[in-house]
Amino acid sequence: MHNEDVLSHTPQKEALFRLQKINRLPHSIMLVGPSGVGKYLLAKTLAKIIFCNNRKSLTQFNSCGECKSCHLIASGTHPDLYLIDCSDKENVSVDSIRELLNSIQMKPFIGGERVVIFNDVEKLSVTAANILLKTLEEPLSGTYFILVVENSAKLPSTVLSRCQKWFFASLDDESMRKILTDRYEIAADRLDALVEVLDGSLGDILSILDHTEKYEELSQRFDRILRGDLVEAINLASAIHKDKDGLEASLKFLLTIARKKMKIESDPNKSFHLSLYLSNIISAHSYIKDRNINSFYILQVIFEELILGFQGKSSSPLQISELMI
């Protein structure tokens, strides 16, 4: 875990840094916002600051990177830092959470602080979340819990009430360009297209970069669907469904392509149905990802509804959210 700057989110960084400097940092913090905007990186950086042996002399939101604690964190061997990936169902069970919370009742191994970061905490089971609640209700001195979450509504209200919530927006275009240039070495002629596709989030960047050759193909196939090609609608839904590794990228591309169409569409009816399509694709991503809905079925319905709308044959536009009830 080397020093990697958290770009954007300046107000949150400054406020958290100031609270840490005056020893007023809450013991239970929840970072809420879209995936891929740097919440987890910010959580790890805050942990490094808490542990840093030179924290009193720090002047910005980052650790010194030179002290013993910083070296231990960089090597992944700091005994008082716990990084819990709640999306890893195989390793994050009720028993493992209970064991972790029991183990931190003991004194820290180094110094007087301990930090526990739960990433994607909304993916904990209800039972595990309630076990966590008991610890949040009785915080230990020197122990900090940082809960990173995209959709806080999925957590019990009792857990939400025990944490000080910090909210994060999507990354701005300037930050996205800097990250893509500095960290991913993206050439200048590709930046604008990638910034538009990623839409303020780096959550799917590896999938996007691995499947960029699909963009033009999807754009051409989408044009055929807009012209009323029902067979293409079925074939495209099938192709996206079968390509499990490229599903996230394909959905991102389909959103970007439709946004571009909306910007130049002069027909109010077609513009309306494109906006409905956008809403349906966003909903589809959630249903496919969280409820394991068959992607072929849901995409076929969306494409067919778009064709009907463009042809003026849809008297009652279909919201996918209504279909899934």
C-alpha atoms as a PDB file:
ATOM      1  CA  MET A   1       0.000   0.000   0.000  1.00  0.00           C
ATOM      2  CA  HIS A   2       2.251   2.786  -1.242  1.00  0.00           C
ATOM      3  CA  ASN A   3       1.353   6.462  -1.083  1.00  0.00           C
ATOM      4  CA  GLU A   4      -1.186   7.039  -3.834  1.00  0.00           C
ATOM      5  CA  ASP A   5      -2.825  10.460  -3.862  1.00  0.00           C
ATOM      6  CA  VAL A   6      -6.587  10.669  -3.508  1.00  0.00           C
ATOM      7  CA  LEU A   7      -7.660  12.949  -6.337  1.00  0.00           C
ATOM      8  CA  SER A   8     -10.748  15.152  -5.969  1.00  0.00           C
ATOM      9  CA  HIS A   9     -12.910  15.074  -2.798  1.00  0.00           C
ATOM     10  CA  THR A  10     -10.885  17.974  -1.379  1.00  0.00           C
ATOM     11  CA  PRO A  11     -13.516  19.125   1.187  1.00  0.00           C
ATOM     12  CA  GLN A  12     -13.797  15.625   2.668  1.00  0.00           C
ATOM     13  CA  LYS A  13     -10.033  15.175   2.810  1.00  0.00           C
ATOM     14  CA  GLU A  14      -9.449  18.535   4.473  1.00  0.00           C
ATOM     15  CA  ALA A  15     -12.197  18.016   7.047  1.00  0.00           C
ATOM     16  CA  LEU A  16     -11.087  14.480   7.970  1.00  0.00           C
ATOM     17  CA  PHE A  17      -7.459  15.566   8.148  1.00  0.00           C
ATOM     18  CA  ARG A  18      -8.383  18.469  10.438  1.00  0.00           C
ATOM     19  CA  LEU A  19     -10.400  16.200  12.743  1.00  0.00           C
ATOM     20  CA  GLN A  20      -7.518  13.742  12.953  1.00  0.00           C
ATOM     21  CA  LYS A  21      -5.037  16.516  13.773  1.00  0.00           C
ATOM     22  CA  ILE A  22      -7.115  17.676  16.767  1.00  0.00           C
ATOM     23  CA  ASN A  23      -7.912  14.129  17.920  1.00  0.00           C
ATOM     24  CA  ARG A  24     -11.640  14.474  17.159  1.00  0.00           C
ATOM     25  CA  LEU A  25     -11.898  11.807  14.483  1.00  0.00           C
ATOM     26  CA  PRO A  26     -15.091   9.737  14.980  1.00  0.00           C
ATOM     27  CA  HIS A  27     -14.554   6.100  15.858  1.00  0.00           C
ATOM     28  CA  SER A  28     -17.168   4.946  13.339  1.00  0.00           C
ATOM     29  CA  ILE A  29     -17.083   6.558   9.890  1.00  0.00           C
ATOM     30  CA  MET A  30     -19.137   5.665   6.831  1.00  0.00           C
ATOM     31  CA  LEU A  31     -17.982   6.743   3.360  1.00  0.00           C
ATOM     32  CA  VAL A  32     -21.000   6.760   1.031  1.00  0.00           C
ATOM     33  CA  GLY A  33     -20.996   7.255  -2.736  1.00  0.00           C
ATOM     34  CA  PRO A  34     -20.777   5.671  -6.196  1.00  0.00           C
ATOM     35  CA  SER A  35     -18.334   2.841  -6.766  1.00  0.00           C
ATOM     36  CA  GLY A  36     -14.974   3.634  -8.277  1.00  0.00           C
ATOM     37  CA  VAL A  37     -14.681   7.234  -7.052  1.00  0.00           C
ATOM     38  CA  GLY A  38     -11.863   6.686  -4.545  1.00  0.00           C
ATOM     39  CA  LYS A  39     -13.707   6.003  -1.268  1.00  0.00           C
ATOM     40  CA  TYR A  40     -11.696   2.879  -0.468  1.00  0.00           C
ATOM     41  CA  LEU A  41      -8.417   4.569  -1.377  1.00  0.00           C
ATOM     42  CA  LEU A  42      -9.365   7.488   0.866  1.00  0.00           C
ATOM     43  CA  ALA A  43     -10.181   5.068   3.700  1.00  0.00           C
ATOM     44  CA  LYS A  44      -6.772   3.386   3.398  1.00  0.00           C
ATOM     45  CA  THR A  45      -5.010   6.752   3.233  1.00  0.00           C
ATOM     46  CA  LEU A  46      -6.814   7.906   6.370  1.00  0.00           C
ATOM     47  CA  ALA A  47      -5.684   4.690   8.090  1.00  0.00           C
ATOM     48  CA  LYS A  48      -2.078   5.396   7.081  1.00  0.00           C
ATOM     49  CA  ILE A  49      -2.344   8.886   8.586  1.00  0.00           C
ATOM     50  CA  ILE A  50      -3.769   7.490  11.839  1.00  0.00           C
ATOM     51  CA  PHE A  51      -0.858   5.042  12.138  1.00  0.00           C
ATOM     52  CA  CYS A  52       1.897   7.327  10.838  1.00  0.00           C
ATOM     53  CA  ASN A  53       4.651   7.882  13.430  1.00  0.00           C
ATOM     54  CA  ASN A  54       5.128  11.395  12.018  1.00  0.00           C
ATOM     55  CA  ARG A  55       1.438  12.321  11.864  1.00  0.00           C
ATOM     56  CA  LYS A  56       1.850  15.393  14.081  1.00  0.00           C
ATOM     57  CA  SER A  57       4.080  17.007  11.464  1.00  0.00           C
ATOM     58  CA  LEU A  58       1.937  16.102   8.436  1.00  0.00           C
ATOM     59  CA  THR A  59       0.594  19.052   6.460  1.00  0.00           C
ATOM     60  CA  GLN A  60      -1.616  17.302   3.890  1.00  0.00           C
ATOM     61  CA  PHE A  61      -3.881  14.307   3.503  1.00  0.00           C
ATOM     62  CA  ASN A  62      -1.238  11.586   3.256  1.00  0.00           C
ATOM     63  CA  SER A  63       1.228   9.794   5.491  1.00  0.00           C
ATOM     64  CA  CYS A  64       4.982  10.409   5.507  1.00  0.00           C
ATOM     65  CA  GLY A  65       5.690   7.118   3.734  1.00  0.00           C
ATOM     66  CA  GLU A  66       9.011   6.778   5.566  1.00  0.00           C
ATOM     67  CA  CYS A  67       8.315   5.699   9.163  1.00  0.00           C
ATOM     68  CA  LYS A  68       8.070   2.148  10.514  1.00  0.00           C
ATOM     69  CA  SER A  69       4.266   2.127  10.443  1.00  0.00           C
ATOM     70  CA  CYS A  70       4.189   3.370   6.848  1.00  0.00           C
ATOM     71  CA  HIS A  71       6.634   0.653   5.788  1.00  0.00           C
ATOM     72  CA  LEU A  72       4.566  -2.021   7.545  1.00  0.00           C
ATOM     73  CA  ILE A  73       1.410  -0.847   5.780  1.00  0.00           C
ATOM     74  CA  ALA A  74       3.210  -0.675   2.432  1.00  0.00           C
ATOM     75  CA  SER A  75       4.296  -4.292   2.851  1.00  0.00           C
ATOM     76  CA  GLY A  76       0.809  -5.345   3.964  1.00  0.00           C
ATOM     77  CA  THR A  77       2.030  -6.543   7.374  1.00  0.00           C
ATOM     78  CA  HIS A  78       0.754  -3.939   9.821  1.00  0.00           C
ATOM     79  CA  PRO A  79      -0.827  -6.053  12.605  1.00  0.00           C
ATOM     80  CA  ASP A  80      -3.376  -3.412  13.621  1.00  0.00           C
ATOM     81  CA  LEU A  81      -4.828  -2.681  10.185  1.00  0.00           C
ATOM     82  CA  TYR A  82      -7.672  -4.923   9.049  1.00  0.00           C
ATOM     83  CA  LEU A  83      -8.921  -4.717   5.449  1.00  0.00           C
ATOM     84  CA  ILE A  84     -12.196  -6.591   5.055  1.00  0.00           C
ATOM     85  CA  ASP A  85     -13.593  -7.175   1.552  1.00  0.00           C
ATOM     86  CA  CYS A  86     -17.276  -7.842   2.230  1.00  0.00           C
ATOM     87  CA  SER A  87     -17.906  -8.930  -1.369  1.00  0.00           C
ATOM     88  CA  ASP A  88     -15.708 -11.981  -0.752  1.00  0.00           C
ATOM     89  CA  LYS A  89     -18.442 -14.296   0.492  1.00  0.00           C
ATOM     90  CA  GLU A  90     -16.103 -17.253   0.890  1.00  0.00           C
ATOM     91  CA  ASN A  91     -13.892 -15.472   3.426  1.00  0.00           C
ATOM     92  CA  VAL A  92     -16.383 -13.095   5.053  1.00  0.00           C
ATOM     93  CA  SER A  93     -18.775 -15.264   7.024  1.00  0.00           C
ATOM     94  CA  VAL A  94     -20.702 -14.636  10.219  1.00  0.00           C
ATOM     95  CA  ASP A  95     -18.118 -16.674  12.123  1.00  0.00           C
ATOM     96  CA  SER A  96     -15.162 -14.768  10.618  1.00  0.00           C
ATOM     97  CA  ILE A  97     -16.743 -11.398  11.473  1.00  0.00           C
ATOM     98  CA  ARG A  98     -17.454 -12.581  15.014  1.00  0.00           C
ATOM     99  CA  GLU A  99     -13.862 -13.843  15.358  1.00  0.00           C
ATOM    100  CA  LEU A 100     -12.460 -10.547  14.057  1.00  0.00           C
ATOM    101  CA  LEU A 101     -14.520  -8.424  16.422  1.00  0.00           C
ATOM    102  CA  ASN A 102     -13.589 -10.633  19.355  1.00  0.00           C
ATOM    103  CA  SER A 103      -9.881 -10.376  18.496  1.00  0.00           C
ATOM    104  CA  ILE A 104      -9.860  -6.570  18.516  1.00  0.00           C
ATOM    105  CA  GLN A 105     -10.970  -6.539  22.129  1.00  0.00           C
ATOM    106  CA  MET A 106      -7.293  -7.031  22.955  1.00  0.00           C
ATOM    107  CA  LYS A 107      -4.782  -4.178  22.982  1.00  0.00           C
ATOM    108  CA  PRO A 108      -3.225  -3.105  19.658  1.00  0.00           C
ATOM    109  CA  PHE A 109       0.111  -4.695  18.807  1.00  0.00           C
ATOM    110  CA  ILE A 110       1.823  -1.401  17.942  1.00  0.00           C
ATOM    111  CA  GLY A 111       1.087   1.957  19.552  1.00  0.00           C
ATOM    112  CA  GLY A 112      -2.451   2.658  20.664  1.00  0.00           C
ATOM    113  CA  GLU A 113      -4.489   2.649  17.448  1.00  0.00           C
ATOM    114  CA  ARG A 114      -6.280   0.035  15.421  1.00  0.00           C
ATOM    115  CA  VAL A 115      -8.196   0.542  12.145  1.00  0.00           C
ATOM    116  CA  VAL A 116     -10.764  -1.798  10.617  1.00  0.00           C
ATOM    117  CA  ILE A 117     -11.947  -1.005   7.065  1.00  0.00           C
ATOM    118  CA  PHE A 118     -15.023  -2.771   5.694  1.00  0.00           C
ATOM    119  CA  ASN A 119     -15.189  -2.333   1.922  1.00  0.00           C
ATOM    120  CA  ASP A 120     -18.594  -2.869   0.257  1.00  0.00           C
ATOM    121  CA  VAL A 121     -20.037  -3.242   3.753  1.00  0.00           C
ATOM    122  CA  GLU A 122     -23.605  -3.377   2.389  1.00  0.00           C
ATOM    123  CA  LYS A 123     -22.781  -6.895   1.178  1.00  0.00           C
ATOM    124  CA  LEU A 124     -22.525  -8.234   4.721  1.00  0.00           C
ATOM    125  CA  SER A 125     -25.347 -10.555   5.707  1.00  0.00           C
ATOM    126  CA  VAL A 126     -27.952  -9.170   8.108  1.00  0.00           C
ATOM    127  CA  THR A 127     -26.604 -11.406  10.872  1.00  0.00           C
ATOM    128  CA  ALA A 128     -23.025 -10.229  10.312  1.00  0.00           C
ATOM    129  CA  ALA A 129     -24.162  -6.584  10.198  1.00  0.00           C
ATOM    130  CA  ASN A 130     -25.937  -7.000  13.532  1.00  0.00           C
ATOM    131  CA  ILE A 131     -22.791  -8.512  15.060  1.00  0.00           C
ATOM    132  CA  LEU A 132     -20.869  -5.484  13.804  1.00  0.00           C
ATOM    133  CA  LEU A 133     -23.530  -3.214  15.316  1.00  0.00           C
ATOM    134  CA  LYS A 134     -22.802  -4.497  18.819  1.00  0.00           C
ATOM    135  CA  THR A 135     -19.180  -3.382  18.466  1.00  0.00           C
ATOM    136  CA  LEU A 136     -20.139  -0.012  16.968  1.00  0.00           C
ATOM    137  CA  GLU A 137     -22.441   0.612  19.925  1.00  0.00           C
ATOM    138  CA  GLU A 138     -19.538   0.242  22.358  1.00  0.00           C
ATOM    139  CA  PRO A 139     -16.484   1.677  20.548  1.00  0.00           C
ATOM    140  CA  LEU A 140     -13.093   0.811  21.957  1.00  0.00           C
ATOM    141  CA  SER A 141     -10.618   3.578  22.689  1.00  0.00           C
ATOM    142  CA  GLY A 142      -8.132   3.949  19.824  1.00  0.00           C
ATOM    143  CA  THR A 143     -10.109   1.683  17.478  1.00  0.00           C
ATOM    144  CA  TYR A 144     -11.526   3.178  14.287  1.00  0.00           C
ATOM    145  CA  PHE A 145     -14.082   1.562  12.012  1.00  0.00           C
ATOM    146  CA  ILE A 146     -14.316   2.872   8.431  1.00  0.00           C
ATOM    147  CA  LEU A 147     -17.267   1.493   6.472  1.00  0.00           C
ATOM    148  CA  VAL A 148     -17.127   1.981   2.700  1.00  0.00           C
ATOM    149  CA  VAL A 149     -20.511   1.682   1.014  1.00  0.00           C
ATOM    150  CA  GLU A 150     -22.158   2.412  -2.324  1.00  0.00           C
ATOM    151  CA  ASN A 151     -25.794   1.895  -1.340  1.00  0.00           C
ATOM    152  CA  SER A 152     -26.272   2.647   2.355  1.00  0.00           C
ATOM    153  CA  ALA A 153     -29.998   1.836   2.104  1.00  0.00           C
ATOM    154  CA  LYS A 154     -29.048  -1.849   2.112  1.00  0.00           C
ATOM    155  CA  LEU A 155     -27.674  -1.579   5.651  1.00  0.00           C
ATOM    156  CA  PRO A 156     -29.774  -1.812   8.814  1.00  0.00           C
ATOM    157  CA  SER A 157     -30.836   1.617  10.076  1.00  0.00           C
ATOM    158  CA  THR A 158     -29.250   0.790  13.424  1.00  0.00           C
ATOM    159  CA  VAL A 159     -25.818   0.463  11.788  1.00  0.00           C
ATOM    160  CA  LEU A 160     -26.329   3.717   9.862  1.00  0.00           C
ATOM    161  CA  SER A 161     -27.207   5.557  13.053  1.00  0.00           C
ATOM    162  CA  ARG A 162     -23.930   4.558  14.714  1.00  0.00           C
ATOM    163  CA  CYS A 163     -21.690   6.030  12.009  1.00  0.00           C
ATOM    164  CA  GLN A 164     -20.808   9.558  10.985  1.00  0.00           C
ATOM    165  CA  LYS A 165     -21.605   9.629   7.275  1.00  0.00           C
ATOM    166  CA  TRP A 166     -19.425  11.302   4.644  1.00  0.00           C
ATOM    167  CA  PHE A 167     -20.842  11.575   1.133  1.00  0.00           C
ATOM    168  CA  PHE A 168     -18.903  11.411  -2.153  1.00  0.00           C
ATOM    169  CA  ALA A 169     -19.901  12.367  -5.684  1.00  0.00           C
ATOM    170  CA  SER A 170     -18.605  11.043  -8.989  1.00  0.00           C
ATOM    171  CA  LEU A 171     -15.148  12.172 -10.087  1.00  0.00           C
ATOM    172  CA  ASP A 172     -14.976  15.310 -12.219  1.00  0.00           C
ATOM    173  CA  ASP A 173     -13.614  15.104 -15.765  1.00  0.00           C
ATOM    174  CA  GLU A 174     -10.307  16.784 -14.870  1.00  0.00           C
ATOM    175  CA  SER A 175      -9.585  14.219 -12.142  1.00  0.00           C
ATOM    176  CA  MET A 176     -10.571  11.400 -14.466  1.00  0.00           C
ATOM    177  CA  ARG A 177      -8.176  12.611 -17.157  1.00  0.00           C
ATOM    178  CA  LYS A 178      -5.314  12.897 -14.668  1.00  0.00           C
ATOM    179  CA  ILE A 179      -5.915   9.409 -13.278  1.00  0.00           C
ATOM    180  CA  LEU A 180      -6.193   7.873 -16.739  1.00  0.00           C
ATOM    181  CA  THR A 181      -3.002   9.612 -17.856  1.00  0.00           C
ATOM    182  CA  ASP A 182      -0.866   9.109 -14.745  1.00  0.00           C
ATOM    183  CA  ARG A 183      -1.977   5.699 -13.514  1.00  0.00           C
ATOM    184  CA  TYR A 184      -3.114   3.959 -16.681  1.00  0.00           C
ATOM    185  CA  GLU A 185      -0.946   5.759 -19.259  1.00  0.00           C
ATOM    186  CA  ILE A 186      -3.871   6.357 -21.602  1.00  0.00           C
ATOM    187  CA  ALA A 187      -2.908   8.225 -24.764  1.00  0.00           C
ATOM    188  CA  ALA A 188      -4.325  11.732 -25.229  1.00  0.00           C
ATOM    189  CA  ASP A 189      -6.378  10.758 -28.280  1.00  0.00           C
ATOM    190  CA  ARG A 190      -8.326   8.202 -26.216  1.00  0.00           C
ATOM    191  CA  LEU A 191      -8.957  10.306 -23.103  1.00  0.00           C
ATOM    192  CA  ASP A 192     -12.195  12.063 -24.033  1.00  0.00           C
ATOM    193  CA  ALA A 193     -13.934   8.870 -25.135  1.00  0.00           C
ATOM    194  CA  LEU A 194     -12.898   6.977 -21.999  1.00  0.00           C
ATOM    195  CA  VAL A 195     -13.899   9.842 -19.695  1.00  0.00           C
ATOM    196  CA  GLU A 196     -17.345   9.836 -21.284  1.00  0.00           C
ATOM    197  CA  VAL A 197     -17.730   6.058 -21.031  1.00  0.00           C
ATOM    198  CA  LEU A 198     -16.510   5.837 -17.432  1.00  0.00           C
ATOM    199  CA  ASP A 199     -18.854   8.665 -16.390  1.00  0.00           C
ATOM    200  CA  GLY A 200     -17.027   9.715 -13.223  1.00  0.00           C
ATOM    201  CA  SER A 201     -16.282   6.224 -11.895  1.00  0.00           C
ATOM    202  CA  LEU A 202     -13.241   3.976 -12.149  1.00  0.00           C
ATOM    203  CA  GLY A 203     -15.087   0.945 -10.836  1.00  0.00           C
ATOM    204  CA  ASP A 204     -15.185  -0.866 -14.188  1.00  0.00           C
ATOM    205  CA  ILE A 205     -12.030   0.572 -15.721  1.00  0.00           C
ATOM    206  CA  LEU A 206     -10.143  -2.714 -16.165  1.00  0.00           C
ATOM    207  CA  SER A 207     -13.097  -4.285 -17.937  1.00  0.00           C
ATOM    208  CA  ILE A 208     -13.549  -1.152 -20.060  1.00  0.00           C
ATOM    209  CA  LEU A 209      -9.879  -1.096 -21.093  1.00  0.00           C
ATOM    210  CA  ASP A 210      -9.974  -4.792 -21.966  1.00  0.00           C
ATOM    211  CA  HIS A 211     -13.026  -4.377 -24.194  1.00  0.00           C
ATOM    212  CA  THR A 212     -12.604  -0.981 -25.869  1.00  0.00           C
ATOM    213  CA  GLU A 213     -12.650  -2.639 -29.315  1.00  0.00           C
ATOM    214  CA  LYS A 214     -16.340  -3.411 -28.740  1.00  0.00           C
ATOM    215  CA  TYR A 215     -17.402   0.219 -28.619  1.00  0.00           C
ATOM    216  CA  GLU A 216     -17.597   0.856 -32.358  1.00  0.00           C
ATOM    217  CA  GLU A 217     -19.263  -2.504 -33.000  1.00  0.00           C
ATOM    218  CA  LEU A 218     -21.925  -1.817 -30.362  1.00  0.00           C
ATOM    219  CA  SER A 219     -22.493   1.656 -31.779  1.00  0.00           C
ATOM    220  CA  GLN A 220     -23.182   0.222 -35.250  1.00  0.00           C
ATOM    221  CA  ARG A 221     -25.469  -2.492 -33.901  1.00  0.00           C
ATOM    222  CA  PHE A 222     -27.349   0.037 -31.772  1.00  0.00           C
ATOM    223  CA  ASP A 223     -27.971   2.134 -34.900  1.00  0.00           C
ATOM    224  CA  ARG A 224     -29.551  -0.909 -36.552  1.00  0.00           C
ATOM    225  CA  ILE A 225     -31.807  -1.387 -33.538  1.00  0.00           C
ATOM    226  CA  LEU A 226     -32.905   2.255 -33.733  1.00  0.00           C
ATOM    227  CA  ARG A 227     -33.825   1.639 -37.370  1.00  0.00           C
ATOM    228  CA  GLY A 228     -36.205  -1.111 -36.221  1.00  0.00           C
ATOM    229  CA  ASP A 229     -34.110  -4.256 -36.708  1.00  0.00           C
ATOM    230  CA  LEU A 230     -35.774  -6.665 -34.261  1.00  0.00           C
ATOM    231  CA  VAL A 231     -33.507  -9.569 -35.203  1.00  0.00           C
ATOM    232  CA  GLU A 232     -30.477  -7.442 -34.351  1.00  0.00           C
ATOM    233  CA  ALA A 233     -32.059  -6.574 -31.001  1.00  0.00           C
ATOM    234  CA  ILE A 234     -32.375 -10.273 -30.142  1.00  0.00           C
ATOM    235  CA  ASN A 235     -28.901 -11.112 -31.451  1.00  0.00           C
ATOM    236  CA  LEU A 236     -27.244  -8.268 -29.552  1.00  0.00           C
ATOM    237  CA  ALA A 237     -29.001  -9.189 -26.310  1.00  0.00           C
ATOM    238  CA  SER A 238     -27.795 -12.766 -26.802  1.00  0.00           C
ATOM    239  CA  ALA A 239     -24.196 -11.719 -27.596  1.00  0.00           C
ATOM    240  CA  ILE A 240     -23.944  -9.485 -24.520  1.00  0.00           C
ATOM    241  CA  HIS A 241     -25.466 -12.188 -22.319  1.00  0.00           C
ATOM    242  CA  LYS A 242     -22.953 -14.801 -23.480  1.00  0.00           C
ATOM    243  CA  ASP A 243     -19.938 -12.535 -22.942  1.00  0.00           C
ATOM    244  CA  LYS A 244     -19.935 -12.619 -19.139  1.00  0.00           C
ATOM    245  CA  ASP A 245     -16.497 -10.988 -18.824  1.00  0.00           C
ATOM    246  CA  GLY A 246     -17.498  -8.078 -21.024  1.00  0.00           C
ATOM    247  CA  LEU A 247     -20.985  -7.517 -19.607  1.00  0.00           C
ATOM    248  CA  GLU A 248     -20.059  -4.514 -17.436  1.00  0.00           C
ATOM    249  CA  ALA A 249     -18.197  -2.849 -20.294  1.00  0.00           C
ATOM    250  CA  SER A 250     -21.031  -3.487 -22.764  1.00  0.00           C
ATOM    251  CA  LEU A 251     -23.609  -1.880 -20.467  1.00  0.00           C
ATOM    252  CA  LYS A 252     -21.355   1.149 -19.983  1.00  0.00           C
ATOM    253  CA  PHE A 253     -20.869   1.455 -23.741  1.00  0.00           C
ATOM    254  CA  LEU A 254     -24.613   1.199 -24.395  1.00  0.00           C
ATOM    255  CA  LEU A 255     -25.237   4.037 -21.945  1.00  0.00           C
ATOM    256  CA  THR A 256     -22.617   6.273 -23.542  1.00  0.00           C
ATOM    257  CA  ILE A 257     -23.852   5.570 -27.075  1.00  0.00           C
ATOM    258  CA  ALA A 258     -27.427   6.446 -26.107  1.00  0.00           C
ATOM    259  CA  ARG A 259     -26.334   9.674 -24.365  1.00  0.00           C
ATOM    260  CA  LYS A 260     -24.607  10.767 -27.563  1.00  0.00           C
ATOM    261  CA  LYS A 261     -27.746   9.998 -29.558  1.00  0.00           C
ATOM    262  CA  MET A 262     -29.830  12.084 -27.159  1.00  0.00           C
ATOM    263  CA  LYS A 263     -27.581  15.117 -27.597  1.00  0.00           C
ATOM    264  CA  ILE A 264     -28.261  15.269 -31.327  1.00  0.00           C
ATOM    265  CA  GLU A 265     -31.843  13.928 -31.425  1.00  0.00           C
ATOM    266  CA  SER A 266     -34.357  16.608 -32.471  1.00  0.00           C
ATOM    267  CA  ASP A 267     -37.502  14.466 -32.370  1.00  0.00           C
ATOM    268  CA  PRO A 268     -39.138  14.875 -28.888  1.00  0.00           C
ATOM    269  CA  ASN A 269     -40.703  11.408 -29.023  1.00  0.00           C
ATOM    270  CA  LYS A 270     -37.411   9.694 -29.870  1.00  0.00           C
ATOM    271  CA  SER A 271     -35.573  11.767 -27.266  1.00  0.00           C
ATOM    272  CA  PHE A 272     -38.105  10.661 -24.652  1.00  0.00           C
ATOM    273  CA  HIS A 273     -37.690   6.985 -25.514  1.00  0.00           C
ATOM    274  CA  LEU A 274     -33.897   7.296 -25.454  1.00  0.00           C
ATOM    275  CA  SER A 275     -34.133   8.766 -21.944  1.00  0.00           C
ATOM    276  CA  LEU A 276     -36.414   5.886 -20.939  1.00  0.00           C
ATOM    277  CA  TYR A 277     -33.920   3.460 -22.461  1.00  0.00           C
ATOM    278  CA  LEU A 278     -31.129   5.026 -20.399  1.00  0.00           C
ATOM    279  CA  SER A 279     -33.158   4.614 -17.221  1.00  0.00           C
ATOM    280  CA  ASN A 280     -33.923   1.008 -18.115  1.00  0.00           C
ATOM    281  CA  ILE A 281     -30.276   0.144 -18.826  1.00  0.00           C
ATOM    282  CA  ILE A 282     -29.231   1.600 -15.468  1.00  0.00           C
ATOM    283  CA  SER A 283     -31.951  -0.457 -13.755  1.00  0.00           C
ATOM    284  CA  ALA A 284     -30.971  -3.524 -15.748  1.00  0.00           C
ATOM    285  CA  HIS A 285     -27.393  -3.309 -14.484  1.00  0.00           C
ATOM    286  CA  SER A 286     -28.679  -3.386 -10.925  1.00  0.00           C
ATOM    287  CA  TYR A 287     -31.053  -6.302 -11.513  1.00  0.00           C
ATOM    288  CA  ILE A 288     -28.465  -8.348 -13.385  1.00  0.00           C
ATOM    289  CA  LYS A 289     -25.759  -7.678 -10.804  1.00  0.00           C
ATOM    290  CA  ASP A 290     -27.709  -7.810  -7.533  1.00  0.00           C
ATOM    291  CA  ARG A 291     -30.626 -10.114  -8.321  1.00  0.00           C
ATOM    292  CA  ASN A 292     -28.990 -12.358 -10.919  1.00  0.00           C
ATOM    293  CA  ILE A 293     -31.744 -11.663 -13.469  1.00  0.00           C
ATOM    294  CA  ASN A 294     -31.103 -13.264 -16.868  1.00  0.00           C
ATOM    295  CA  SER A 295     -29.336 -10.544 -18.885  1.00  0.00           C
ATOM    296  CA  PHE A 296     -30.571 -11.875 -22.253  1.00  0.00           C
ATOM    297  CA  TYR A 297     -34.201 -11.577 -21.211  1.00  0.00           C
ATOM    298  CA  ILE A 298     -33.960  -8.114 -19.689  1.00  0.00           C
ATOM    299  CA  LEU A 299     -31.858  -6.635 -22.541  1.00  0.00           C
ATOM    300  CA  GLN A 300     -34.148  -8.105 -25.190  1.00  0.00           C
ATOM    301  CA  VAL A 301     -37.134  -6.441 -23.525  1.00  0.00           C
ATOM    302  CA  ILE A 302     -35.305  -3.094 -23.334  1.00  0.00           C
ATOM    303  CA  PHE A 303     -34.237  -3.176 -27.007  1.00  0.00           C
ATOM    304  CA  GLU A 304     -37.690  -4.218 -28.207  1.00  0.00           C
ATOM    305  CA  GLU A 305     -39.339  -1.458 -26.161  1.00  0.00           C
ATOM    306  CA  LEU A 306     -36.940   1.073 -27.686  1.00  0.00           C
ATOM    307  CA  ILE A 307     -37.844  -0.090 -31.214  1.00  0.00           C
ATOM    308  CA  LEU A 308     -41.570   0.247 -30.465  1.00  0.00           C
ATOM    309  CA  GLY A 309     -41.011   3.709 -29.023  1.00  0.00           C
ATOM    310  CA  PHE A 310     -39.049   4.906 -32.042  1.00  0.00           C
ATOM    311  CA  GLN A 311     -41.762   3.587 -34.339  1.00  0.00           C
ATOM    312  CA  GLY A 312     -44.493   5.328 -32.327  1.00  0.00           C
ATOM    313  CA  LYS A 313     -46.114   2.003 -31.424  1.00  0.00           C
ATOM    314  CA  SER A 314     -45.619   2.135 -27.644  1.00  0.00           C
ATOM    315  CA  SER A 315     -48.783   3.533 -26.051  1.00  0.00           C
ATOM    316  CA  SER A 316     -47.626   2.842 -22.504  1.00  0.00           C
ATOM    317  CA  PRO A 317     -43.814   2.988 -22.220  1.00  0.00           C
ATOM    318  CA  LEU A 318     -42.372   0.142 -20.150  1.00  0.00           C
ATOM    319  CA  GLN A 319     -40.244   0.793 -17.087  1.00  0.00           C
ATOM    320  CA  ILE A 320     -38.061  -2.237 -16.384  1.00  0.00           C
ATOM    321  CA  SER A 321     -38.475  -1.581 -12.652  1.00  0.00           C
ATOM    322  CA  GLU A 322     -42.217  -2.277 -13.081  1.00  0.00           C
ATOM    323  CA  LEU A 323     -41.538  -5.483 -14.985  1.00  0.00           C
ATOM    324  CA  MET A 324     -39.242  -6.775 -12.233  1.00  0.00           C
ATOM    325  CA  ILE A 325     -41.752  -6.342  -9.408  1.00  0.00           C
END
